[in-house]
Amino acid sequence: MELSVPSVAVVILCWRGKTHLQQFLPSVVQHTPHYAQIIVVDNASDDGTAEFIRKTYPQLTFLQLSHNHGYAGGYNEVIKQLSQDIIVLLNQDVEVTAHWLEPILKIFAEQPKVGAVQPRIRSYTQKEYFEYAGAAGGWIDCFGYTFCRGRLFDVLEKDQNQYAVPTEIFWASGACMAVRRHLYVSLGGLDPYFFAHMEEIDLCWRLKNQGHQVWYCPDSVVYHVGGSALPQGHPLKTYLNYRNNLLMLAKNLPLRQACWIIPARMALDGISAIRSVLRGYPRDVLAIVRAHGHFLYRWPTLKATGPRRNFFSHTAVYAGSLVWSFFILKKKYFSQLRPSCSTSNSTASS
C-alpha cells in the first residue's frame, strides 16, 4: 500500500549560527524532499545570520525573533504558527544525508501511536561513532539519569550497525527530532522555563504519559557536532542539566515515586559534586548547588501537566542505577545493561 505524504516543516532554530549554517545548511537544502518546507529561525543573533540567510538562501522561509527565547521558547514561538502535520526540530550544527527524512515519515505513517521520532545520530568529527546527544535513541535509569543506546556518560560506541532495527525509546534528541504538530501543541510544546537542555526529554516523557510512543529510526542518518551553544563542562550547561533534570522528574513522576527517586537523585548529585572537585572542576560544584537551590524553590509551585503513569511501566527505562553500573561494575556499553532492563523494546513490523 502506498503511503500518503504528510505536510512537513523542517525548522532550524539558530543562535549565532552563521558559521554553522554556512557549513551544514547546504546538506539540508540538498537532501530534504521538495514537499518539506525548510524554515530557518534566528534567535536574535548579532553575528550576521539574518543577512547571510536572506542573501544566500532567498528561497527558504526565514523568521527572526525579537529576542533570544532559548531553545524551548524559540521553537514554541514558531511551531504555534505552523500548520504542517509533522515538524522536524533540527539543530544548526547537523549535517543530514540522502533520504534522511523519508524513513522517519514512514514510521509515522505505519505507527499511529508514535508521537516523536529521532534518526541515527553520529558524530560529525568521528563519523564512525555515535554522537553524545542522541546516538541510537534515549533511555533513562531509575534515578532519572539519561543516556543513549551507543553512549553511556562520555563513552561513545562505534556504529557497527548494532542498533539497526526501528524501536521504541524513552526520549528523542532535540538535535534532530520529528514530532506530530498537533501533539506538540496540545501538550504546550517544550517547557520554556527549561530555556535549554532536557526540554526535549520532558516533552517525550509527557508524550509517553499520554499513551504515545517515541521511536528511533536507524534508516535515517545525520551527523551532529554538538556543544555549539554551550560546550561540555561549561558551568551554565552543568547548572541547566542538573536543575532541569530535577524539574523533569518532579513534573512527570507519580507522587509516590517522586518521594523516593528525587531525594535519591539529589544525593547522587552530591556525590557527583565531590567528584567534580577531585577532577579539578570546582565551578561545577557551585553550579550543582545553585541548581538544587533553584529546584527546591520551584518544586512547590509546579502543577500537574497531565497524567503521570508508573515510571517503570514505560518502555526504555533501565531499572537499575546507571551510576552504579558504569562506575562500580564498569559496564561501559549499552548491551551490558540489557539483562537488567525493566521493559523490552518494541520493534517495527517487517
Protein backbone atom coordinates (compact mmCIF):
# COMPACT_ATOMS: atom_id res chain seq x y z
CA MET A 1 0.00 0.00 0.00
CA GLU A 2 1.41 3.40 -0.96
CA LEU A 3 1.76 5.75 1.98
CA SER A 4 0.42 9.27 1.74
CA VAL A 5 2.91 12.07 2.21
CA PRO A 6 2.11 14.32 5.18
CA SER A 7 2.85 18.02 5.21
CA VAL A 8 6.25 18.61 6.78
CA ALA A 9 8.24 21.57 8.09
CA VAL A 10 11.94 21.33 8.93
CA VAL A 11 12.61 24.08 11.47
CA ILE A 12 16.21 25.09 12.18
CA LEU A 13 16.44 27.31 15.25
CA CYS A 14 19.80 29.08 15.36
CA TRP A 15 21.63 31.44 17.65
CA ARG A 16 24.88 32.97 16.49
CA GLY A 17 24.81 30.20 13.95
CA LYS A 18 26.08 31.84 10.78
CA THR A 19 29.24 29.72 10.66
CA HIS A 20 27.33 26.51 11.23
CA LEU A 21 24.65 27.39 8.72
CA GLN A 22 27.30 28.09 6.10
CA GLN A 23 28.67 24.61 6.72
CA PHE A 24 25.57 22.49 7.30
CA LEU A 25 22.57 24.19 5.65
CA PRO A 26 23.67 23.10 2.14
CA SER A 27 23.14 19.44 3.11
CA VAL A 28 19.64 20.21 4.40
CA VAL A 29 18.71 22.05 1.20
CA GLN A 30 20.18 19.31 -0.98
CA HIS A 31 18.71 16.27 0.76
CA THR A 32 15.33 17.48 2.02
CA PRO A 33 12.46 16.48 -0.30
CA HIS A 34 10.66 19.25 -2.16
CA TYR A 35 7.40 18.75 -0.27
CA ALA A 36 9.01 19.70 3.07
CA GLN A 37 9.24 23.40 3.93
CA ILE A 38 12.59 24.46 5.37
CA ILE A 39 12.28 27.27 7.92
CA VAL A 40 15.31 28.98 9.45
CA VAL A 41 14.60 30.83 12.70
CA ASP A 42 17.13 33.23 14.21
CA ASN A 43 17.00 33.63 17.98
CA ALA A 44 18.03 37.32 17.89
CA SER A 45 21.66 36.74 16.89
CA ASP A 46 24.18 39.52 16.34
CA ASP A 47 26.56 37.67 14.01
CA GLY A 48 25.04 38.47 10.62
CA THR A 49 22.90 35.33 10.39
CA ALA A 50 19.89 37.21 9.06
CA GLU A 51 21.86 38.90 6.27
CA PHE A 52 23.51 35.60 5.31
CA ILE A 53 20.23 33.68 5.00
CA ARG A 54 18.38 36.41 3.13
CA LYS A 55 21.22 36.82 0.65
CA THR A 56 22.29 33.21 0.16
CA TYR A 57 19.02 31.30 0.59
CA PRO A 58 16.20 33.62 -0.50
CA GLN A 59 14.09 30.56 -1.39
CA LEU A 60 13.89 29.49 2.26
CA THR A 61 11.45 30.79 4.83
CA PHE A 62 13.33 32.95 7.32
CA LEU A 63 12.00 34.23 10.64
CA GLN A 64 13.85 36.50 13.05
CA LEU A 65 12.77 36.61 16.69
CA SER A 66 12.93 39.87 18.62
CA HIS A 67 14.99 38.39 21.48
CA ASN A 68 16.63 35.12 22.49
CA HIS A 69 13.81 32.83 23.64
CA GLY A 70 16.16 29.91 24.26
CA TYR A 71 15.76 26.53 22.60
CA ALA A 72 12.35 25.78 24.08
CA GLY A 73 10.75 29.19 23.75
CA GLY A 74 12.17 29.76 20.28
CA TYR A 75 10.62 26.61 18.87
CA ASN A 76 7.33 27.25 20.68
CA GLU A 77 7.09 30.74 19.16
CA VAL A 78 7.39 29.33 15.65
CA ILE A 79 5.59 25.99 15.82
CA LYS A 80 2.38 27.52 17.16
CA GLN A 81 2.19 29.48 13.90
CA LEU A 82 2.64 26.45 11.62
CA SER A 83 0.06 24.10 10.18
CA GLN A 84 2.09 21.13 8.93
CA ASP A 85 1.36 17.61 10.18
CA ILE A 86 4.97 16.81 11.08
CA ILE A 87 7.54 19.25 12.46
CA VAL A 88 11.25 18.42 12.47
CA LEU A 89 13.31 20.25 15.08
CA LEU A 90 16.82 20.38 13.61
CA ASN A 91 19.93 21.87 15.22
CA GLN A 92 22.05 24.36 13.31
CA ASP A 93 25.10 22.05 13.57
CA VAL A 94 23.59 18.95 11.95
CA GLU A 95 24.55 17.53 8.56
CA VAL A 96 21.82 15.39 7.02
CA THR A 97 22.31 12.66 4.45
CA ALA A 98 20.46 11.49 1.35
CA HIS A 99 16.91 10.23 2.03
CA TRP A 100 17.13 11.21 5.69
CA LEU A 101 13.52 12.33 6.03
CA GLU A 102 11.59 9.61 4.21
CA PRO A 103 12.23 6.75 6.70
CA ILE A 104 11.11 8.96 9.58
CA LEU A 105 7.86 9.79 7.82
CA LYS A 106 7.36 6.09 7.06
CA ILE A 107 7.38 5.30 10.79
CA PHE A 108 4.77 7.99 11.45
CA ALA A 109 2.61 6.60 8.65
CA GLU A 110 2.85 2.99 9.78
CA GLN A 111 2.75 3.50 13.55
CA PRO A 112 -0.18 5.74 14.54
CA LYS A 113 0.77 5.66 18.24
CA VAL A 114 4.15 7.23 17.54
CA GLY A 115 4.34 10.87 18.59
CA ALA A 116 8.05 11.58 18.01
CA VAL A 117 10.96 10.05 16.10
CA GLN A 118 14.72 10.59 16.05
CA PRO A 119 17.24 9.36 13.44
CA ARG A 120 20.55 7.58 13.95
CA ILE A 121 22.84 10.37 15.17
CA ARG A 122 26.55 10.00 14.52
CA SER A 123 29.41 12.30 15.44
CA TYR A 124 30.39 14.80 12.77
CA THR A 125 34.02 14.80 13.90
CA GLN A 126 34.27 10.99 14.25
CA LYS A 127 31.79 9.75 11.70
CA GLU A 128 32.11 6.07 12.54
CA TYR A 129 30.98 6.76 16.11
CA PHE A 130 27.67 7.69 17.65
CA GLU A 131 27.24 11.25 18.89
CA TYR A 132 26.75 12.21 22.53
CA ALA A 133 23.36 13.92 22.19
CA GLY A 134 21.06 11.18 20.95
CA ALA A 135 23.13 8.37 19.45
CA ALA A 136 20.73 5.47 18.77
CA GLY A 137 17.92 6.69 21.00
CA GLY A 138 17.47 7.90 24.55
CA TRP A 139 16.88 5.85 27.71
CA ILE A 140 16.60 6.77 31.39
CA ASP A 141 17.58 4.97 34.60
CA CYS A 142 15.69 4.54 37.86
CA PHE A 143 17.13 7.79 39.28
CA GLY A 144 16.45 9.90 36.21
CA TYR A 145 19.92 9.78 34.67
CA THR A 146 19.53 9.98 30.92
CA PHE A 147 21.70 8.04 28.49
CA CYS A 148 21.60 6.63 24.98
CA ARG A 149 21.99 3.39 23.18
CA GLY A 150 25.52 3.91 21.90
CA ARG A 151 26.57 6.35 24.66
CA LEU A 152 26.89 5.88 28.41
CA PHE A 153 28.11 9.07 30.09
CA ASP A 154 31.09 10.11 27.93
CA VAL A 155 31.83 6.68 26.40
CA LEU A 156 30.76 6.58 22.76
CA GLU A 157 30.33 3.36 20.78
CA LYS A 158 31.47 2.82 17.23
CA ASP A 159 28.46 2.35 14.96
CA GLN A 160 28.74 -1.24 13.77
CA ASN A 161 25.06 -1.48 12.93
CA GLN A 162 24.31 -2.91 16.36
CA TYR A 163 21.23 -0.67 16.55
CA ALA A 164 19.79 -1.36 13.12
CA VAL A 165 16.14 -2.03 13.98
CA PRO A 166 13.46 0.66 14.38
CA THR A 167 12.45 0.55 18.02
CA GLU A 168 10.67 2.38 20.79
CA ILE A 169 12.87 4.55 23.04
CA PHE A 170 12.23 6.80 26.03
CA TRP A 171 13.32 10.11 24.52
CA ALA A 172 14.35 11.57 21.18
CA SER A 173 17.24 14.00 20.86
CA GLY A 174 16.48 17.66 20.28
CA ALA A 175 19.39 17.70 17.82
CA CYS A 176 17.00 16.14 15.31
CA MET A 177 13.53 15.25 16.46
CA ALA A 178 10.39 14.89 14.37
CA VAL A 179 7.06 15.29 16.17
CA ARG A 180 3.39 15.36 15.27
CA ARG A 181 2.46 19.04 15.44
CA HIS A 182 -0.98 18.55 16.97
CA LEU A 183 0.53 16.60 19.87
CA TYR A 184 3.27 19.18 20.34
CA VAL A 185 0.70 21.97 20.52
CA SER A 186 -1.78 20.07 22.71
CA LEU A 187 0.98 19.37 25.26
CA GLY A 188 2.03 23.01 25.32
CA GLY A 189 5.26 22.36 23.44
CA LEU A 190 8.67 22.45 25.06
CA ASP A 191 8.75 23.87 28.59
CA PRO A 192 10.15 27.42 28.17
CA TYR A 193 11.19 27.51 31.83
CA PHE A 194 13.90 24.97 30.98
CA PHE A 195 15.37 27.50 28.48
CA ALA A 196 17.85 24.88 27.22
CA HIS A 197 18.76 21.24 28.00
CA MET A 198 16.42 18.39 28.95
CA GLU A 199 13.35 20.08 27.49
CA GLU A 200 13.01 17.53 24.67
CA ILE A 201 13.22 14.67 27.20
CA ASP A 202 10.49 16.31 29.27
CA LEU A 203 8.33 16.62 26.16
CA CYS A 204 8.88 12.97 25.24
CA TRP A 205 8.02 11.89 28.79
CA ARG A 206 4.79 13.87 28.64
CA LEU A 207 4.01 12.22 25.30
CA LYS A 208 4.53 8.79 26.86
CA ASN A 209 2.42 9.66 29.89
CA GLN A 210 -0.39 10.46 27.43
CA GLY A 211 -0.05 6.99 25.86
CA HIS A 212 2.04 7.93 22.80
CA GLN A 213 5.35 6.40 21.76
CA VAL A 214 8.79 7.74 20.87
CA TRP A 215 10.83 5.84 18.28
CA TYR A 216 14.34 5.54 16.87
CA CYS A 217 14.74 5.35 13.08
CA PRO A 218 18.07 3.73 12.06
CA ASP A 219 17.49 4.18 8.32
CA SER A 220 17.77 7.94 8.72
CA VAL A 221 21.35 9.06 9.40
CA VAL A 222 22.54 12.52 10.43
CA TYR A 223 25.84 13.87 11.78
CA HIS A 224 25.91 16.25 14.74
CA VAL A 225 28.73 18.45 16.02
CA GLY A 226 27.27 19.08 19.47
CA GLY A 227 28.09 21.71 22.08
CA SER A 228 27.81 24.60 19.63
CA ALA A 229 25.84 26.79 22.02
CA LEU A 230 27.29 25.67 25.37
CA PRO A 231 30.32 23.34 25.34
CA GLN A 232 30.56 20.33 27.64
CA GLY A 233 31.87 21.39 31.05
CA HIS A 234 30.53 24.95 30.90
CA PRO A 235 29.10 25.89 34.35
CA LEU A 236 25.85 27.15 32.82
CA LYS A 237 25.41 23.85 30.99
CA THR A 238 26.03 21.99 34.26
CA TYR A 239 23.52 24.18 36.09
CA LEU A 240 20.81 23.75 33.46
CA ASN A 241 21.30 20.00 33.17
CA TYR A 242 21.08 19.37 36.92
CA ARG A 243 18.24 21.82 37.55
CA ASN A 244 16.17 20.75 34.56
CA ASN A 245 16.60 17.06 35.26
CA LEU A 246 15.13 17.51 38.72
CA LEU A 247 12.30 19.67 37.36
CA MET A 248 11.56 16.99 34.77
CA LEU A 249 11.34 14.31 37.45
CA ALA A 250 9.02 16.44 39.60
CA LYS A 251 6.77 17.19 36.61
CA ASN A 252 6.39 13.64 35.35
CA LEU A 253 6.79 11.14 38.18
CA PRO A 254 3.78 9.98 40.17
CA LEU A 255 3.99 11.46 43.68
CA ARG A 256 4.70 8.14 45.39
CA GLN A 257 7.70 7.51 43.15
CA ALA A 258 8.88 11.12 43.23
CA CYS A 259 9.10 10.99 47.04
CA TRP A 260 11.98 8.50 46.92
CA ILE A 261 13.51 8.99 43.47
CA ILE A 262 14.13 12.74 43.75
CA PRO A 263 15.88 12.65 47.18
CA ALA A 264 18.00 9.73 45.99
CA ARG A 265 18.87 11.60 42.83
CA MET A 266 19.87 14.71 44.78
CA ALA A 267 22.14 12.59 46.97
CA LEU A 268 23.80 11.17 43.86
CA ASP A 269 24.22 14.71 42.56
CA GLY A 270 26.09 15.47 45.77
CA ILE A 271 28.48 12.62 45.05
CA SER A 272 28.87 14.00 41.56
CA ALA A 273 29.81 17.38 43.04
CA ILE A 274 32.53 15.75 45.15
CA ARG A 275 33.83 14.00 42.05
CA SER A 276 33.95 17.37 40.24
CA VAL A 277 36.18 18.77 42.98
CA LEU A 278 38.51 15.79 42.75
CA ARG A 279 38.70 16.24 38.97
CA GLY A 280 39.57 19.91 39.31
CA TYR A 281 36.22 21.46 38.33
CA PRO A 282 35.18 23.49 41.41
CA ARG A 283 32.83 25.70 39.38
CA ASP A 284 30.70 22.62 38.69
CA VAL A 285 30.07 22.30 42.43
CA LEU A 286 28.66 25.82 42.61
CA ALA A 287 26.54 25.10 39.54
CA ILE A 288 25.09 21.96 41.14
CA VAL A 289 24.37 23.77 44.44
CA ARG A 290 22.62 26.56 42.52
CA ALA A 291 20.64 24.00 40.52
CA HIS A 292 19.43 22.25 43.68
CA GLY A 293 18.55 25.51 45.37
CA HIS A 294 16.58 26.74 42.38
CA PHE A 295 14.78 23.40 42.09
CA LEU A 296 13.78 23.35 45.77
CA TYR A 297 12.42 26.88 45.41
CA ARG A 298 10.50 25.97 42.28
CA TRP A 299 9.22 22.49 43.21
CA PRO A 300 6.27 23.57 45.43
CA THR A 301 4.88 25.75 42.63
CA LEU A 302 4.92 23.02 39.95
CA LYS A 303 1.49 21.99 38.71
CA ALA A 304 0.48 18.75 37.03
CA THR A 305 0.74 18.99 33.24
CA GLY A 306 -1.17 15.78 32.55
CA PRO A 307 -1.42 12.16 33.69
CA ARG A 308 1.57 10.63 35.46
CA ARG A 309 1.97 6.95 34.68
CA ASN A 310 4.01 4.46 36.68
CA PHE A 311 7.59 5.33 35.70
CA PHE A 312 8.67 1.70 35.43
CA SER A 313 5.78 0.79 33.12
CA HIS A 314 7.35 2.80 30.30
CA THR A 315 9.46 1.21 27.62
CA ALA A 316 13.19 2.11 27.70
CA VAL A 317 13.50 2.61 31.44
CA TYR A 318 16.60 0.96 32.94
CA ALA A 319 15.51 -0.50 36.27
CA GLY A 320 19.00 -0.33 37.72
CA SER A 321 21.33 2.54 38.55
CA LEU A 322 23.43 3.73 35.63
CA VAL A 323 25.90 5.35 38.04
CA TRP A 324 26.44 2.05 39.88
CA SER A 325 26.62 0.01 36.68
CA PHE A 326 29.05 2.39 34.96
CA PHE A 327 31.39 3.47 37.74
CA ILE A 328 31.33 0.46 40.09
CA LEU A 329 30.52 -2.51 37.85
CA LYS A 330 32.47 -0.98 34.93
CA LYS A 331 29.72 -1.56 32.39
CA LYS A 332 30.63 0.83 29.58
CA TYR A 333 28.26 -0.26 26.81
CA PHE A 334 24.50 -0.34 26.49
CA SER A 335 24.50 -4.06 25.61
CA GLN A 336 25.88 -4.79 29.07
CA LEU A 337 22.83 -3.17 30.65
CA ARG A 338 20.25 -5.12 28.68
CA PRO A 339 19.69 -8.01 31.16
CA SER A 340 18.54 -5.51 33.80
CA CYS A 341 16.17 -3.53 31.56
CA SER A 342 12.71 -3.20 33.05
CA THR A 343 10.89 -3.48 29.76
CA SER A 344 11.73 -4.93 26.38
CA ASN A 345 11.82 -2.73 23.33
CA SER A 346 9.08 -2.64 20.73
CA THR A 347 10.25 -3.18 17.18
CA ALA A 348 8.76 -2.30 13.86
CA SER A 349 6.95 -4.96 11.94
CA SER A 350 8.60 -6.08 8.77
